[in-house]
């Protein structure tokens, strides 16, 4: 399904969350599609099932998936309504990232290029 970077400083569960977000946003995973069980994915990725469970919990908190007791986890429909609280939160995160990018010496054109590339990729990574 996907690969993880075990040498990355980013926690594995966050990498899993990001990969699933990318697959959902790019509609590789359809609404109501069943996700692999915690055990299946843990075996496939050769990582601790608790890590998968933590990622699934985070995806559920972000309302990207839902769970049905005894049946598994499924992709939630992408909401068409805007959540003002989440928009405000995202704006704050973007402001911090932009400030940091400028601080490390990125130019406005470089930042614009990164944003445009991400928009062309549907928000996913370009790897």
C-alpha atoms as a PDB file:
ATOM      1  CA  UNK A   1       0.000   0.000   0.000  1.00  0.00           C
ATOM      2  CA  UNK A   2       2.773   2.449   0.933  1.00  0.00           C
ATOM      3  CA  UNK A   3       6.234   2.656   2.413  1.00  0.00           C
ATOM      4  CA  UNK A   4       7.452   4.351   5.558  1.00  0.00           C
ATOM      5  CA  UNK A   5      10.717   6.164   6.156  1.00  0.00           C
ATOM      6  CA  UNK A   6      12.014   4.556   9.338  1.00  0.00           C
ATOM      7  CA  UNK A   7      14.987   6.947   9.385  1.00  0.00           C
ATOM      8  CA  UNK A   8      12.788  10.008   9.335  1.00  0.00           C
ATOM      9  CA  UNK A   9      12.501  12.081  12.467  1.00  0.00           C
ATOM     10  CA  UNK A  10       8.733  12.020  11.973  1.00  0.00           C
ATOM     11  CA  UNK A  11       6.893   9.454  14.129  1.00  0.00           C
ATOM     12  CA  UNK A  12       5.701   6.384  12.227  1.00  0.00           C
ATOM     13  CA  UNK A  13       2.060   6.869  13.192  1.00  0.00           C
ATOM     14  CA  UNK A  14       2.165  10.409  11.735  1.00  0.00           C
ATOM     15  CA  UNK A  15       3.636   9.055   8.505  1.00  0.00           C
ATOM     16  CA  UNK A  16       0.766   6.558   8.330  1.00  0.00           C
ATOM     17  CA  UNK A  17      -1.787   9.318   8.963  1.00  0.00           C
ATOM     18  CA  UNK A  18      -0.209  11.474   6.238  1.00  0.00           C
ATOM     19  CA  UNK A  19      -0.166   8.595   3.724  1.00  0.00           C
ATOM     20  CA  UNK A  20      -3.820   7.770   4.345  1.00  0.00           C
ATOM     21  CA  UNK A  21      -4.772  11.461   4.108  1.00  0.00           C
ATOM     22  CA  UNK A  22      -3.007  11.649   0.762  1.00  0.00           C
ATOM     23  CA  UNK A  23      -4.777   8.505  -0.495  1.00  0.00           C
ATOM     24  CA  UNK A  24      -8.171   9.803   0.656  1.00  0.00           C
ATOM     25  CA  UNK A  25      -7.739  13.353  -0.676  1.00  0.00           C
ATOM     26  CA  UNK A  26      -6.522  12.062  -4.043  1.00  0.00           C
ATOM     27  CA  UNK A  27      -9.485   9.655  -4.083  1.00  0.00           C
ATOM     28  CA  UNK A  28      -7.289   6.581  -4.349  1.00  0.00           C
ATOM     29  CA  UNK A  29      -9.410   5.313  -1.449  1.00  0.00           C
ATOM     30  CA  UNK A  30     -13.146   5.721  -2.034  1.00  0.00           C
ATOM     31  CA  UNK A  31     -15.821   6.685   0.462  1.00  0.00           C
ATOM     32  CA  UNK A  32     -16.866   3.692   2.597  1.00  0.00           C
ATOM     33  CA  UNK A  33     -13.894   1.640   1.381  1.00  0.00           C
ATOM     34  CA  UNK A  34     -12.653  -0.727   4.061  1.00  0.00           C
ATOM     35  CA  UNK A  35      -9.129  -0.118   5.355  1.00  0.00           C
ATOM     36  CA  UNK A  36      -6.814  -3.019   6.178  1.00  0.00           C
ATOM     37  CA  UNK A  37      -7.253  -4.295   9.720  1.00  0.00           C
ATOM     38  CA  UNK A  38      -4.778  -3.118  12.324  1.00  0.00           C
ATOM     39  CA  UNK A  39      -3.220  -6.573  12.401  1.00  0.00           C
ATOM     40  CA  UNK A  40      -2.988  -6.873   8.592  1.00  0.00           C
ATOM     41  CA  UNK A  41      -1.364  -3.467   8.166  1.00  0.00           C
ATOM     42  CA  UNK A  42       1.026  -4.055  11.084  1.00  0.00           C
ATOM     43  CA  UNK A  43       2.178  -7.317   9.465  1.00  0.00           C
ATOM     44  CA  UNK A  44       2.433  -5.702   6.042  1.00  0.00           C
ATOM     45  CA  UNK A  45       4.537  -2.802   7.336  1.00  0.00           C
ATOM     46  CA  UNK A  46       6.285  -4.932   9.990  1.00  0.00           C
ATOM     47  CA  UNK A  47       5.535  -2.492  12.793  1.00  0.00           C
ATOM     48  CA  UNK A  48       3.775  -2.683  16.135  1.00  0.00           C
ATOM     49  CA  UNK A  49      -0.051  -2.926  15.900  1.00  0.00           C
ATOM     50  CA  UNK A  50      -0.321  -0.234  18.589  1.00  0.00           C
ATOM     51  CA  UNK A  51       1.275   2.204  16.132  1.00  0.00           C
ATOM     52  CA  UNK A  52      -1.372   1.410  13.519  1.00  0.00           C
ATOM     53  CA  UNK A  53      -4.103   1.727  16.143  1.00  0.00           C
ATOM     54  CA  UNK A  54      -2.772   5.160  17.133  1.00  0.00           C
ATOM     55  CA  UNK A  55      -2.774   6.273  13.473  1.00  0.00           C
ATOM     56  CA  UNK A  56      -6.329   4.990  12.941  1.00  0.00           C
ATOM     57  CA  UNK A  57      -7.460   6.806  16.108  1.00  0.00           C
ATOM     58  CA  UNK A  58      -5.932  10.042  14.800  1.00  0.00           C
ATOM     59  CA  UNK A  59      -7.595   9.584  11.394  1.00  0.00           C
ATOM     60  CA  UNK A  60     -10.898   9.038  13.204  1.00  0.00           C
ATOM     61  CA  UNK A  61     -10.357  12.173  15.319  1.00  0.00           C
ATOM     62  CA  UNK A  62      -9.801  14.086  12.081  1.00  0.00           C
ATOM     63  CA  UNK A  63     -13.032  12.534  10.741  1.00  0.00           C
ATOM     64  CA  UNK A  64     -11.264  10.991   7.745  1.00  0.00           C
ATOM     65  CA  UNK A  65     -12.291   7.456   8.701  1.00  0.00           C
ATOM     66  CA  UNK A  66     -14.944   5.829  10.863  1.00  0.00           C
ATOM     67  CA  UNK A  67     -15.042   2.493  12.648  1.00  0.00           C
ATOM     68  CA  UNK A  68     -17.806  -0.070  12.834  1.00  0.00           C
ATOM     69  CA  UNK A  69     -17.476  -2.387  15.816  1.00  0.00           C
ATOM     70  CA  UNK A  70     -16.636  -5.892  14.659  1.00  0.00           C
ATOM     71  CA  UNK A  71     -16.338  -4.875  10.993  1.00  0.00           C
ATOM     72  CA  UNK A  72     -13.336  -2.546  10.797  1.00  0.00           C
ATOM     73  CA  UNK A  73     -12.416   0.967   9.687  1.00  0.00           C
ATOM     74  CA  UNK A  74     -13.778   2.695   6.601  1.00  0.00           C
ATOM     75  CA  UNK A  75     -13.095   5.883   4.625  1.00  0.00           C
ATOM     76  CA  UNK A  76     -15.429   8.712   5.565  1.00  0.00           C
ATOM     77  CA  UNK A  77     -17.012  10.919   2.914  1.00  0.00           C
ATOM     78  CA  UNK A  78     -15.021  14.098   2.371  1.00  0.00           C
ATOM     79  CA  UNK A  79     -17.067  16.890   3.871  1.00  0.00           C
ATOM     80  CA  UNK A  80     -18.079  19.647   1.497  1.00  0.00           C
ATOM     81  CA  UNK A  81     -18.868  22.051   4.328  1.00  0.00           C
ATOM     82  CA  UNK A  82     -16.132  24.273   5.689  1.00  0.00           C
ATOM     83  CA  UNK A  83     -15.261  23.995   9.360  1.00  0.00           C
ATOM     84  CA  UNK A  84     -14.299  27.547  10.445  1.00  0.00           C
ATOM     85  CA  UNK A  85     -12.348  26.240  13.454  1.00  0.00           C
ATOM     86  CA  UNK A  86     -10.224  23.953  11.259  1.00  0.00           C
ATOM     87  CA  UNK A  87      -9.691  26.758   8.722  1.00  0.00           C
ATOM     88  CA  UNK A  88      -8.441  29.075  11.493  1.00  0.00           C
ATOM     89  CA  UNK A  89      -6.164  26.321  12.814  1.00  0.00           C
ATOM     90  CA  UNK A  90      -4.759  25.712   9.326  1.00  0.00           C
ATOM     91  CA  UNK A  91      -4.161  29.439   8.793  1.00  0.00           C
ATOM     92  CA  UNK A  92      -2.160  29.599  12.019  1.00  0.00           C
ATOM     93  CA  UNK A  93      -0.060  26.578  11.010  1.00  0.00           C
ATOM     94  CA  UNK A  94       0.572  28.067   7.558  1.00  0.00           C
ATOM     95  CA  UNK A  95       1.638  31.393   9.075  1.00  0.00           C
ATOM     96  CA  UNK A  96       4.174  29.602  11.283  1.00  0.00           C
ATOM     97  CA  UNK A  97       5.533  27.579   8.359  1.00  0.00           C
ATOM     98  CA  UNK A  98       5.775  30.632   6.104  1.00  0.00           C
ATOM     99  CA  UNK A  99       7.589  32.598   8.801  1.00  0.00           C
ATOM    100  CA  UNK A 100      10.022  29.712   9.281  1.00  0.00           C
ATOM    101  CA  UNK A 101      10.554  29.358   5.511  1.00  0.00           C
ATOM    102  CA  UNK A 102      11.390  33.054   5.200  1.00  0.00           C
ATOM    103  CA  UNK A 103      13.639  32.839   8.248  1.00  0.00           C
ATOM    104  CA  UNK A 104      15.720  30.014   6.743  1.00  0.00           C
ATOM    105  CA  UNK A 105      16.173  32.048   3.582  1.00  0.00           C
ATOM    106  CA  UNK A 106      13.546  30.782   1.139  1.00  0.00           C
ATOM    107  CA  UNK A 107      12.399  33.404  -1.314  1.00  0.00           C
ATOM    108  CA  UNK A 108       8.762  34.217  -1.970  1.00  0.00           C
ATOM    109  CA  UNK A 109       9.123  32.692  -5.438  1.00  0.00           C
ATOM    110  CA  UNK A 110      10.497  29.446  -3.963  1.00  0.00           C
ATOM    111  CA  UNK A 111       7.621  29.284  -1.493  1.00  0.00           C
ATOM    112  CA  UNK A 112       5.134  29.978  -4.287  1.00  0.00           C
ATOM    113  CA  UNK A 113       6.695  27.181  -6.375  1.00  0.00           C
ATOM    114  CA  UNK A 114       6.328  24.713  -3.491  1.00  0.00           C
ATOM    115  CA  UNK A 115       2.678  25.696  -2.957  1.00  0.00           C
ATOM    116  CA  UNK A 116       1.871  25.459  -6.665  1.00  0.00           C
ATOM    117  CA  UNK A 117       3.573  22.055  -6.905  1.00  0.00           C
ATOM    118  CA  UNK A 118       1.548  20.760  -3.975  1.00  0.00           C
ATOM    119  CA  UNK A 119      -1.677  22.046  -5.496  1.00  0.00           C
ATOM    120  CA  UNK A 120      -0.849  20.329  -8.791  1.00  0.00           C
ATOM    121  CA  UNK A 121      -0.236  17.082  -6.865  1.00  0.00           C
ATOM    122  CA  UNK A 122      -3.590  17.346  -5.138  1.00  0.00           C
ATOM    123  CA  UNK A 123      -1.914  18.167  -1.832  1.00  0.00           C
ATOM    124  CA  UNK A 124       0.061  14.929  -1.758  1.00  0.00           C
ATOM    125  CA  UNK A 125       3.785  14.457  -1.561  1.00  0.00           C
ATOM    126  CA  UNK A 126       5.767  14.606  -4.764  1.00  0.00           C
ATOM    127  CA  UNK A 127       7.817  11.507  -3.978  1.00  0.00           C
END
